[in-house]
N, C-alpha and C. Protein backbone atom coordinates (compact mmCIF):
# COMPACT_ATOMS: atom_id res chain seq x y z
N UNK A 1 0.84 -1.16 0.00
CA UNK A 1 0.00 0.00 0.00
C UNK A 1 0.90 1.23 0.00
N UNK A 2 0.49 2.22 -0.76
CA UNK A 2 1.24 3.48 -0.80
C UNK A 2 0.28 4.63 -0.61
N UNK A 3 0.62 5.53 0.26
CA UNK A 3 -0.16 6.76 0.45
C UNK A 3 0.63 7.90 -0.16
N UNK A 4 -0.01 8.63 -1.08
CA UNK A 4 0.64 9.76 -1.72
C UNK A 4 -0.27 10.97 -1.53
N UNK A 5 0.29 12.05 -1.06
CA UNK A 5 -0.46 13.28 -0.84
C UNK A 5 -1.16 13.68 -2.14
N UNK A 6 -2.40 14.15 -2.03
CA UNK A 6 -3.24 14.38 -3.21
C UNK A 6 -2.67 15.41 -4.19
N UNK A 7 -1.85 16.33 -3.74
CA UNK A 7 -1.33 17.34 -4.66
C UNK A 7 0.03 16.96 -5.28
N UNK A 8 0.48 15.74 -5.04
CA UNK A 8 1.71 15.25 -5.66
C UNK A 8 1.35 14.52 -6.95
N UNK A 9 1.99 14.91 -8.04
CA UNK A 9 1.70 14.31 -9.33
C UNK A 9 2.27 12.90 -9.38
N UNK A 10 1.40 11.93 -9.66
CA UNK A 10 1.83 10.54 -9.72
C UNK A 10 0.97 9.80 -10.73
N UNK A 11 1.54 8.70 -11.23
CA UNK A 11 0.86 7.85 -12.20
C UNK A 11 1.08 6.40 -11.79
N UNK A 12 0.02 5.66 -11.71
CA UNK A 12 0.16 4.22 -11.42
C UNK A 12 0.70 3.53 -12.66
N UNK A 13 1.70 2.69 -12.49
CA UNK A 13 2.35 1.99 -13.60
C UNK A 13 1.89 0.53 -13.64
N UNK A 14 0.69 0.32 -14.13
CA UNK A 14 0.14 -1.03 -14.23
C UNK A 14 0.98 -1.91 -15.15
N UNK A 15 1.67 -1.28 -16.12
CA UNK A 15 2.50 -2.04 -17.06
C UNK A 15 3.70 -2.69 -16.38
N UNK A 16 4.05 -2.24 -15.18
CA UNK A 16 5.19 -2.82 -14.45
C UNK A 16 4.76 -3.81 -13.38
N UNK A 17 3.45 -3.92 -13.17
CA UNK A 17 2.94 -4.81 -12.14
C UNK A 17 2.70 -6.19 -12.75
N UNK A 18 2.93 -7.20 -11.95
CA UNK A 18 2.89 -8.58 -12.42
C UNK A 18 1.73 -9.31 -11.73
N UNK A 19 0.89 -9.98 -12.52
CA UNK A 19 -0.24 -10.73 -11.96
C UNK A 19 0.29 -11.82 -11.03
N UNK A 20 -0.39 -11.98 -9.90
CA UNK A 20 -0.01 -13.02 -8.95
C UNK A 20 1.04 -12.59 -7.94
N UNK A 21 1.59 -11.39 -8.12
CA UNK A 21 2.59 -10.87 -7.18
C UNK A 21 2.02 -9.59 -6.57
N UNK A 22 2.12 -9.45 -5.27
CA UNK A 22 1.61 -8.25 -4.61
C UNK A 22 2.62 -7.13 -4.81
N UNK A 23 2.34 -6.31 -5.82
CA UNK A 23 3.24 -5.23 -6.22
C UNK A 23 2.40 -4.05 -6.70
N UNK A 24 2.85 -2.86 -6.38
CA UNK A 24 2.26 -1.65 -6.92
C UNK A 24 3.42 -0.73 -7.31
N UNK A 25 3.35 -0.17 -8.53
CA UNK A 25 4.39 0.73 -9.01
C UNK A 25 3.79 2.08 -9.33
N UNK A 26 4.48 3.13 -8.92
CA UNK A 26 4.05 4.50 -9.16
C UNK A 26 5.20 5.31 -9.71
N UNK A 27 4.92 6.17 -10.68
CA UNK A 27 5.85 7.21 -11.09
C UNK A 27 5.44 8.47 -10.35
N UNK A 28 6.35 9.06 -9.61
CA UNK A 28 6.10 10.30 -8.87
C UNK A 28 6.95 11.38 -9.50
N UNK A 29 6.29 12.45 -9.99
CA UNK A 29 7.00 13.52 -10.68
C UNK A 29 7.82 14.34 -9.70
N UNK A 30 9.07 14.59 -10.08
CA UNK A 30 9.98 15.42 -9.31
C UNK A 30 10.38 16.62 -10.17
N UNK A 31 11.08 17.56 -9.58
CA UNK A 31 11.59 18.70 -10.35
C UNK A 31 12.70 18.24 -11.29
N UNK A 32 13.10 19.11 -12.18
CA UNK A 32 14.20 18.86 -13.12
C UNK A 32 13.94 17.66 -14.02
N UNK A 33 12.66 17.46 -14.38
CA UNK A 33 12.26 16.38 -15.30
C UNK A 33 12.66 15.00 -14.80
N UNK A 34 12.78 14.83 -13.50
CA UNK A 34 13.11 13.53 -12.91
C UNK A 34 11.81 12.87 -12.44
N UNK A 35 11.86 11.55 -12.33
CA UNK A 35 10.73 10.77 -11.85
C UNK A 35 11.23 9.75 -10.84
N UNK A 36 10.51 9.63 -9.74
CA UNK A 36 10.79 8.59 -8.77
C UNK A 36 9.88 7.41 -9.09
N UNK A 37 10.47 6.29 -9.42
CA UNK A 37 9.71 5.06 -9.62
C UNK A 37 9.66 4.34 -8.28
N UNK A 38 8.49 4.32 -7.68
CA UNK A 38 8.30 3.68 -6.38
C UNK A 38 7.65 2.32 -6.60
N UNK A 39 8.32 1.28 -6.18
CA UNK A 39 7.75 -0.07 -6.23
C UNK A 39 7.50 -0.53 -4.81
N UNK A 40 6.25 -0.89 -4.51
CA UNK A 40 5.87 -1.36 -3.19
C UNK A 40 5.51 -2.84 -3.32
N UNK A 41 6.16 -3.69 -2.52
CA UNK A 41 6.05 -5.13 -2.66
C UNK A 41 5.64 -5.79 -1.36
N UNK A 42 5.03 -6.96 -1.50
CA UNK A 42 4.80 -7.84 -0.35
C UNK A 42 5.04 -9.26 -0.80
N UNK A 43 5.94 -9.92 -0.10
CA UNK A 43 6.20 -11.35 -0.35
C UNK A 43 5.66 -12.12 0.84
N UNK A 44 4.62 -12.92 0.64
CA UNK A 44 4.08 -13.69 1.77
C UNK A 44 5.14 -14.61 2.37
N UNK A 45 5.07 -14.85 3.66
CA UNK A 45 6.09 -15.67 4.32
C UNK A 45 6.03 -17.14 3.94
N UNK A 46 4.90 -17.60 3.40
CA UNK A 46 4.75 -19.02 3.11
C UNK A 46 5.09 -19.37 1.66
N UNK A 47 5.77 -18.49 0.94
CA UNK A 47 6.18 -18.81 -0.43
C UNK A 47 7.15 -19.99 -0.41
N UNK A 48 6.97 -20.90 -1.36
CA UNK A 48 7.94 -21.98 -1.50
C UNK A 48 9.12 -21.48 -2.33
N UNK A 49 10.10 -22.32 -2.57
CA UNK A 49 11.33 -21.91 -3.25
C UNK A 49 11.03 -21.38 -4.65
N UNK A 50 10.16 -22.04 -5.39
CA UNK A 50 9.81 -21.61 -6.75
C UNK A 50 9.10 -20.26 -6.72
N UNK A 51 8.15 -20.09 -5.80
CA UNK A 51 7.44 -18.81 -5.68
C UNK A 51 8.39 -17.68 -5.29
N UNK A 52 9.34 -17.97 -4.41
CA UNK A 52 10.32 -16.95 -4.02
C UNK A 52 11.15 -16.52 -5.23
N UNK A 53 11.56 -17.49 -6.05
CA UNK A 53 12.34 -17.16 -7.24
C UNK A 53 11.52 -16.35 -8.23
N UNK A 54 10.24 -16.72 -8.41
CA UNK A 54 9.35 -15.93 -9.28
C UNK A 54 9.20 -14.51 -8.76
N UNK A 55 9.08 -14.38 -7.45
CA UNK A 55 8.97 -13.06 -6.84
C UNK A 55 10.21 -12.23 -7.14
N UNK A 56 11.38 -12.81 -6.94
CA UNK A 56 12.63 -12.10 -7.19
C UNK A 56 12.75 -11.75 -8.67
N UNK A 57 12.35 -12.68 -9.56
CA UNK A 57 12.38 -12.40 -10.99
C UNK A 57 11.46 -11.23 -11.35
N UNK A 58 10.30 -11.13 -10.68
CA UNK A 58 9.35 -10.05 -10.95
C UNK A 58 9.88 -8.69 -10.51
N UNK A 59 10.79 -8.69 -9.55
CA UNK A 59 11.39 -7.42 -9.11
C UNK A 59 12.18 -6.77 -10.24
N UNK A 60 12.65 -7.57 -11.17
CA UNK A 60 13.47 -7.01 -12.26
C UNK A 60 12.66 -6.15 -13.22
N UNK A 61 11.32 -6.32 -13.29
CA UNK A 61 10.50 -5.53 -14.21
C UNK A 61 10.61 -4.03 -13.91
N UNK A 62 10.28 -3.58 -12.70
CA UNK A 62 10.43 -2.14 -12.44
C UNK A 62 11.88 -1.68 -12.41
N UNK A 63 12.79 -2.57 -12.00
CA UNK A 63 14.20 -2.18 -11.96
C UNK A 63 14.70 -1.91 -13.38
N UNK A 64 14.39 -2.79 -14.30
CA UNK A 64 14.82 -2.59 -15.69
C UNK A 64 14.22 -1.33 -16.28
N UNK A 65 12.98 -1.01 -15.90
CA UNK A 65 12.34 0.21 -16.39
C UNK A 65 13.11 1.46 -15.95
N UNK A 66 13.68 1.41 -14.75
CA UNK A 66 14.43 2.57 -14.25
C UNK A 66 15.84 2.60 -14.81
N UNK A 67 16.44 1.43 -15.04
CA UNK A 67 17.82 1.39 -15.53
C UNK A 67 17.96 1.96 -16.93
N UNK A 68 16.93 1.82 -17.73
CA UNK A 68 16.99 2.26 -19.13
C UNK A 68 16.48 3.68 -19.31
N UNK A 69 16.30 4.41 -18.22
CA UNK A 69 15.80 5.77 -18.29
C UNK A 69 16.57 6.61 -17.27
N UNK A 70 17.46 7.45 -17.76
CA UNK A 70 18.33 8.24 -16.87
C UNK A 70 17.55 9.24 -16.02
N UNK A 71 16.31 9.55 -16.42
CA UNK A 71 15.53 10.52 -15.64
C UNK A 71 14.81 9.85 -14.47
N UNK A 72 14.93 8.54 -14.32
CA UNK A 72 14.23 7.82 -13.25
C UNK A 72 15.16 7.48 -12.09
N UNK A 73 14.61 7.59 -10.91
CA UNK A 73 15.24 7.15 -9.67
C UNK A 73 14.35 6.03 -9.17
N UNK A 74 14.89 4.90 -8.80
CA UNK A 74 14.06 3.78 -8.35
C UNK A 74 14.21 3.57 -6.85
N UNK A 75 13.07 3.39 -6.19
CA UNK A 75 13.01 3.08 -4.77
C UNK A 75 12.06 1.89 -4.61
N UNK A 76 12.57 0.79 -4.10
CA UNK A 76 11.76 -0.40 -3.84
C UNK A 76 11.52 -0.49 -2.35
N UNK A 77 10.28 -0.73 -1.98
CA UNK A 77 9.93 -0.76 -0.56
C UNK A 77 8.98 -1.92 -0.30
N UNK A 78 9.00 -2.41 0.91
CA UNK A 78 8.00 -3.41 1.25
C UNK A 78 8.46 -4.42 2.26
N UNK A 79 7.56 -5.37 2.49
CA UNK A 79 7.81 -6.49 3.38
C UNK A 79 8.23 -7.64 2.49
N UNK A 80 9.51 -7.92 2.48
CA UNK A 80 10.06 -8.96 1.62
C UNK A 80 10.14 -10.31 2.34
N UNK A 81 9.77 -10.35 3.62
CA UNK A 81 9.80 -11.60 4.37
C UNK A 81 11.04 -12.41 4.08
N UNK A 82 12.16 -11.72 4.12
CA UNK A 82 13.45 -12.34 3.81
C UNK A 82 14.07 -12.89 5.10
N UNK A 83 13.56 -14.02 5.51
CA UNK A 83 14.05 -14.65 6.75
C UNK A 83 15.27 -15.49 6.44
N UNK A 84 16.42 -14.97 6.77
CA UNK A 84 17.66 -15.71 6.54
C UNK A 84 18.27 -16.06 7.89
N UNK A 85 17.67 -17.03 8.52
CA UNK A 85 18.12 -17.40 9.86
C UNK A 85 19.54 -17.95 9.83
N UNK A 86 19.83 -18.73 8.78
CA UNK A 86 21.14 -19.38 8.73
C UNK A 86 22.20 -18.55 8.02
N UNK A 87 21.82 -17.38 7.45
CA UNK A 87 22.79 -16.54 6.73
C UNK A 87 22.68 -15.10 7.20
N UNK A 88 23.78 -14.37 7.20
CA UNK A 88 23.70 -12.93 7.46
C UNK A 88 22.94 -12.24 6.31
N UNK A 89 22.38 -11.06 6.60
CA UNK A 89 21.57 -10.34 5.61
C UNK A 89 22.29 -10.17 4.29
N UNK A 90 23.56 -9.81 4.31
CA UNK A 90 24.28 -9.52 3.06
C UNK A 90 24.52 -10.77 2.21
N UNK A 91 24.27 -11.95 2.74
CA UNK A 91 24.42 -13.18 1.96
C UNK A 91 23.09 -13.72 1.42
N UNK A 92 21.99 -13.05 1.75
CA UNK A 92 20.69 -13.54 1.30
C UNK A 92 20.55 -13.34 -0.21
N UNK A 93 19.74 -14.19 -0.83
CA UNK A 93 19.52 -14.12 -2.28
C UNK A 93 18.91 -12.78 -2.68
N UNK A 94 17.96 -12.31 -1.88
CA UNK A 94 17.31 -11.04 -2.18
C UNK A 94 18.30 -9.87 -2.10
N UNK A 95 19.16 -9.89 -1.10
CA UNK A 95 20.16 -8.84 -0.96
C UNK A 95 21.13 -8.86 -2.15
N UNK A 96 21.55 -10.06 -2.54
CA UNK A 96 22.45 -10.18 -3.70
C UNK A 96 21.76 -9.69 -4.97
N UNK A 97 20.46 -9.98 -5.09
CA UNK A 97 19.71 -9.53 -6.25
C UNK A 97 19.73 -8.00 -6.34
N UNK A 98 19.36 -7.32 -5.24
CA UNK A 98 19.37 -5.85 -5.22
C UNK A 98 20.76 -5.31 -5.53
N UNK A 99 21.76 -5.89 -4.92
CA UNK A 99 23.14 -5.43 -5.12
C UNK A 99 23.59 -5.61 -6.56
N UNK A 100 23.14 -6.66 -7.22
CA UNK A 100 23.55 -6.90 -8.62
C UNK A 100 23.06 -5.81 -9.55
N UNK A 101 22.00 -5.11 -9.15
CA UNK A 101 21.48 -3.99 -9.95
C UNK A 101 22.01 -2.65 -9.45
N UNK A 102 22.88 -2.66 -8.46
CA UNK A 102 23.44 -1.41 -7.94
C UNK A 102 22.56 -0.72 -6.92
N UNK A 103 21.64 -1.45 -6.33
CA UNK A 103 20.77 -0.88 -5.30
C UNK A 103 21.42 -1.02 -3.94
N UNK A 104 21.15 -0.06 -3.08
CA UNK A 104 21.60 -0.11 -1.69
C UNK A 104 20.39 -0.38 -0.81
N UNK A 105 20.53 -1.31 0.11
CA UNK A 105 19.49 -1.65 1.07
C UNK A 105 19.66 -0.71 2.25
N UNK A 106 18.61 0.08 2.56
CA UNK A 106 18.72 1.12 3.58
C UNK A 106 18.43 0.62 5.00
N UNK A 107 17.62 -0.40 5.12
CA UNK A 107 17.22 -0.90 6.44
C UNK A 107 18.06 -2.14 6.75
N UNK A 108 18.93 -2.03 7.71
CA UNK A 108 19.85 -3.15 7.99
C UNK A 108 19.64 -3.76 9.38
N UNK A 109 18.86 -3.12 10.22
CA UNK A 109 18.62 -3.70 11.54
C UNK A 109 17.25 -4.41 11.52
N UNK A 110 17.04 -5.34 12.44
CA UNK A 110 15.80 -6.13 12.44
C UNK A 110 14.55 -5.26 12.55
N UNK A 111 13.53 -5.63 11.77
CA UNK A 111 12.24 -4.93 11.81
C UNK A 111 11.15 -5.81 12.42
N UNK A 112 11.45 -7.06 12.64
CA UNK A 112 10.54 -7.97 13.33
C UNK A 112 11.39 -9.02 14.02
N UNK A 113 11.27 -9.09 15.30
CA UNK A 113 12.11 -9.96 16.15
C UNK A 113 13.56 -9.82 15.70
N UNK A 114 14.19 -10.89 15.21
CA UNK A 114 15.61 -10.79 14.83
C UNK A 114 15.83 -10.75 13.32
N UNK A 115 14.76 -10.54 12.54
CA UNK A 115 14.87 -10.55 11.08
C UNK A 115 14.60 -9.17 10.48
N UNK A 116 15.31 -8.86 9.42
CA UNK A 116 15.07 -7.63 8.66
C UNK A 116 14.13 -8.00 7.51
N UNK A 117 12.84 -7.86 7.76
CA UNK A 117 11.84 -8.26 6.77
C UNK A 117 11.40 -7.10 5.89
N UNK A 118 11.48 -5.89 6.41
CA UNK A 118 10.97 -4.71 5.72
C UNK A 118 12.14 -3.91 5.18
N UNK A 119 12.08 -3.58 3.89
CA UNK A 119 13.23 -3.01 3.21
C UNK A 119 12.88 -1.75 2.44
N UNK A 120 13.89 -0.91 2.30
CA UNK A 120 13.95 0.15 1.27
C UNK A 120 15.23 -0.13 0.51
N UNK A 121 15.14 -0.24 -0.80
CA UNK A 121 16.33 -0.39 -1.64
C UNK A 121 16.28 0.71 -2.70
N UNK A 122 17.37 1.44 -2.87
CA UNK A 122 17.39 2.58 -3.79
C UNK A 122 18.59 2.48 -4.71
N UNK A 123 18.42 3.01 -5.92
CA UNK A 123 19.52 2.95 -6.90
C UNK A 123 20.40 4.20 -6.88
N UNK A 124 20.08 5.17 -6.03
CA UNK A 124 20.89 6.38 -5.94
C UNK A 124 21.02 6.76 -4.46
N UNK A 125 21.98 6.18 -3.80
CA UNK A 125 22.15 6.36 -2.35
C UNK A 125 22.45 7.81 -1.98
N UNK A 126 22.98 8.60 -2.91
CA UNK A 126 23.32 9.99 -2.60
C UNK A 126 22.08 10.84 -2.32
N UNK A 127 20.89 10.37 -2.68
CA UNK A 127 19.65 11.11 -2.42
C UNK A 127 19.11 10.89 -1.01
N UNK A 128 19.62 9.90 -0.32
CA UNK A 128 19.09 9.52 0.99
C UNK A 128 19.63 10.44 2.07
N UNK A 129 18.73 11.15 2.73
CA UNK A 129 19.11 12.01 3.86
C UNK A 129 19.06 11.24 5.17
N UNK A 130 18.07 10.34 5.27
CA UNK A 130 17.88 9.59 6.51
C UNK A 130 17.05 8.35 6.20
N UNK A 131 17.23 7.32 7.02
CA UNK A 131 16.39 6.13 6.92
C UNK A 131 16.53 5.36 8.21
N UNK A 132 15.57 4.52 8.48
CA UNK A 132 15.63 3.71 9.69
C UNK A 132 14.28 3.11 10.00
N UNK A 133 14.10 2.76 11.25
CA UNK A 133 12.81 2.22 11.65
C UNK A 133 12.38 2.79 12.98
N UNK A 134 11.08 2.77 13.18
CA UNK A 134 10.44 3.28 14.38
C UNK A 134 9.76 2.11 15.08
N UNK A 135 9.43 2.24 16.35
CA UNK A 135 8.73 1.14 17.03
C UNK A 135 7.40 0.82 16.33
N UNK A 136 6.98 -0.43 16.41
CA UNK A 136 5.70 -0.80 15.78
C UNK A 136 4.52 -0.11 16.46
N UNK A 137 3.47 0.08 15.69
CA UNK A 137 2.22 0.56 16.27
C UNK A 137 1.63 -0.55 17.12
N UNK A 138 0.66 -0.20 17.95
CA UNK A 138 0.09 -1.18 18.89
C UNK A 138 -0.37 -2.47 18.22
N UNK A 139 -0.96 -2.38 17.04
CA UNK A 139 -1.56 -3.56 16.42
C UNK A 139 -0.61 -4.30 15.48
N UNK A 140 0.60 -3.80 15.30
CA UNK A 140 1.54 -4.40 14.36
C UNK A 140 2.67 -5.13 15.10
N UNK A 141 3.22 -6.11 14.41
CA UNK A 141 4.38 -6.79 14.98
C UNK A 141 5.65 -6.48 14.19
N UNK A 142 5.56 -5.56 13.25
CA UNK A 142 6.71 -5.09 12.48
C UNK A 142 7.01 -3.64 12.86
N UNK A 143 8.28 -3.29 12.84
CA UNK A 143 8.65 -1.89 13.01
C UNK A 143 8.25 -1.12 11.76
N UNK A 144 7.96 0.16 11.92
CA UNK A 144 7.68 1.01 10.77
C UNK A 144 9.02 1.45 10.18
N UNK A 145 9.13 1.44 8.86
CA UNK A 145 10.36 1.88 8.22
C UNK A 145 10.11 3.23 7.55
N UNK A 146 11.18 4.02 7.43
CA UNK A 146 11.05 5.33 6.79
C UNK A 146 12.33 5.65 6.05
N UNK A 147 12.21 6.53 5.10
CA UNK A 147 13.38 7.13 4.44
C UNK A 147 13.02 8.55 4.07
N UNK A 148 14.01 9.41 4.11
CA UNK A 148 13.86 10.79 3.69
C UNK A 148 14.82 11.00 2.53
N UNK A 149 14.26 11.46 1.41
CA UNK A 149 15.06 11.65 0.20
C UNK A 149 15.24 13.14 -0.08
N UNK A 150 16.35 13.48 -0.66
CA UNK A 150 16.63 14.85 -1.07
C UNK A 150 16.13 15.04 -2.51
N UNK A 151 14.82 15.20 -2.64
CA UNK A 151 14.17 15.37 -3.94
C UNK A 151 13.20 16.54 -3.84
N UNK A 152 13.17 17.34 -4.87
CA UNK A 152 12.23 18.45 -4.91
C UNK A 152 11.00 18.05 -5.72
N UNK A 153 9.84 18.41 -5.21
CA UNK A 153 8.59 18.16 -5.91
C UNK A 153 8.20 19.42 -6.68
N UNK A 154 7.60 19.26 -7.85
CA UNK A 154 7.14 20.45 -8.58
C UNK A 154 5.99 21.10 -7.83
N UNK A 155 5.79 22.38 -8.10
CA UNK A 155 4.67 23.08 -7.50
C UNK A 155 3.36 22.45 -7.97
N UNK A 156 2.41 22.39 -7.07
CA UNK A 156 1.10 21.84 -7.42
C UNK A 156 0.40 22.77 -8.39
N UNK A 157 -0.37 22.20 -9.32
CA UNK A 157 -1.14 23.07 -10.22
C UNK A 157 -2.18 23.85 -9.42
N UNK A 158 -2.51 25.05 -9.88
CA UNK A 158 -3.50 25.84 -9.15
C UNK A 158 -4.85 25.12 -9.14
N UNK A 159 -5.58 25.31 -8.07
CA UNK A 159 -6.92 24.72 -7.97
C UNK A 159 -7.88 25.79 -7.46
N UNK A 160 -9.14 25.60 -7.77
CA UNK A 160 -10.14 26.57 -7.29
C UNK A 160 -10.79 26.03 -6.03
N UNK A 161 -11.13 26.92 -5.14
CA UNK A 161 -11.76 26.55 -3.88
C UNK A 161 -12.94 27.48 -3.64
N UNK A 162 -13.96 26.93 -3.02
CA UNK A 162 -15.13 27.73 -2.66
C UNK A 162 -14.86 28.39 -1.31
N UNK A 163 -14.92 29.68 -1.26
CA UNK A 163 -14.70 30.44 -0.03
C UNK A 163 -16.00 31.12 0.38
N UNK A 164 -16.31 30.99 1.63
CA UNK A 164 -17.49 31.66 2.17
C UNK A 164 -17.04 32.93 2.89
N UNK A 165 -17.62 34.05 2.50
CA UNK A 165 -17.32 35.33 3.15
C UNK A 165 -18.51 35.64 4.06
N UNK A 166 -18.34 35.34 5.33
CA UNK A 166 -19.44 35.46 6.28
C UNK A 166 -19.90 36.90 6.45
N UNK A 167 -19.03 37.84 6.19
CA UNK A 167 -19.44 39.25 6.30
C UNK A 167 -20.51 39.60 5.26
N UNK A 168 -20.58 38.83 4.18
CA UNK A 168 -21.56 39.08 3.13
C UNK A 168 -22.76 38.12 3.20
N UNK A 169 -22.89 37.37 4.29
CA UNK A 169 -23.97 36.39 4.41
C UNK A 169 -25.32 37.08 4.53
N UNK A 170 -26.35 36.42 3.99
CA UNK A 170 -27.73 36.90 4.10
C UNK A 170 -28.37 36.18 5.28
N UNK A 171 -28.18 36.73 6.48
CA UNK A 171 -28.63 36.06 7.69
C UNK A 171 -30.15 36.04 7.80
N UNK A 172 -30.84 36.97 7.18
CA UNK A 172 -32.31 36.97 7.20
C UNK A 172 -32.84 35.74 6.46
N UNK A 173 -32.33 35.48 5.26
CA UNK A 173 -32.77 34.29 4.52
C UNK A 173 -32.33 33.00 5.22
N UNK A 174 -31.17 33.01 5.82
CA UNK A 174 -30.70 31.85 6.56
C UNK A 174 -31.63 31.57 7.73
N UNK A 175 -32.00 32.61 8.46
CA UNK A 175 -32.92 32.46 9.59
C UNK A 175 -34.26 31.91 9.12
N UNK A 176 -34.80 32.47 8.03
CA UNK A 176 -36.08 32.01 7.50
C UNK A 176 -36.01 30.54 7.07
N UNK A 177 -34.90 30.14 6.47
CA UNK A 177 -34.75 28.75 6.04
C UNK A 177 -34.71 27.82 7.25
N UNK A 178 -34.04 28.22 8.32
CA UNK A 178 -33.94 27.37 9.50
C UNK A 178 -35.27 27.29 10.26
N UNK A 179 -36.04 28.35 10.21
CA UNK A 179 -37.34 28.35 10.88
C UNK A 179 -38.27 27.32 10.23
N UNK A 180 -38.13 27.11 8.93
CA UNK A 180 -39.03 26.22 8.21
C UNK A 180 -38.52 24.77 8.11
N UNK A 181 -37.43 24.44 8.78
CA UNK A 181 -36.95 23.06 8.82
C UNK A 181 -37.87 22.27 9.75
N UNK A 182 -38.32 21.09 9.31
CA UNK A 182 -39.19 20.27 10.18
C UNK A 182 -38.37 19.57 11.27
N UNK A 183 -37.96 20.33 12.27
CA UNK A 183 -37.07 19.82 13.30
C UNK A 183 -37.67 18.63 14.05
N UNK A 184 -39.01 18.59 14.19
CA UNK A 184 -39.63 17.48 14.92
C UNK A 184 -39.48 16.15 14.18
N UNK A 185 -39.19 16.18 12.88
CA UNK A 185 -39.00 14.95 12.11
C UNK A 185 -37.55 14.46 12.13
N UNK A 186 -36.68 15.26 12.68
CA UNK A 186 -35.27 14.89 12.73
C UNK A 186 -35.01 14.24 14.06
N UNK A 187 -34.52 13.00 14.02
CA UNK A 187 -34.25 12.25 15.24
C UNK A 187 -32.75 12.14 15.43
N UNK A 188 -32.31 12.51 16.57
CA UNK A 188 -30.88 12.43 16.88
C UNK A 188 -30.68 11.42 18.00
N UNK A 189 -29.67 10.61 17.87
CA UNK A 189 -29.33 9.67 18.93
C UNK A 189 -27.95 10.02 19.44
N UNK A 190 -27.84 10.17 20.70
CA UNK A 190 -26.55 10.48 21.32
C UNK A 190 -26.14 9.38 22.22
C-alpha cells in the first residue's frame, strides 16, 4: 500500500505490475524532469522456493524500467519476508539480487524480532538524507520503516476553492430557512 499526498503528481504503472505478485508501481514527478519510480512489494512468508524465485524475478521488471531511463530514480519498498536465519543479511539471495542492480538496502537492523523483513532499496544512495525504523504501532508486529530523500517536488497546479465570506452572508434568509426546517422529524441519537 502506498499513500501519496493528493497534490503530488503521480501515475500508477500497471504495465510494471505482475499478476499473482503483490506489487504496486508508481511514477512520482519530481523537479528537473526527474521521476521517482516507487515499487511497493509484499512477499508472503509461506512462499515456497519456486514462488520466491518468481517473486525475485518479478522485481526485475520495475528495476529494468528505471535502468533504461536516466531521468528515473528507483526506490523499492516493502515487506520482503526475507528470513535468513542461517545466513547474514548480506548473503541472502534477495540482498544479492538488489546489489547486482546497484541498489543499496537502507534498512539493515531487524524490523521484526531478529529478522530484517521490511526493506527500502534505492539505486541512488546519494539522495538519501535519513532512513531507519520506528517502534511498531500497537496492532503491528513489524517496526515502521522510513526514508527521507533529497528530492524536490514540482509546485502543485492551481486549484479553485469555494470560499465563504461570512461578512456578506444573508442572515435573514438563513434564519427564514432554519425556521421552516421540520425539526420534529429529525431524530438524533446520542
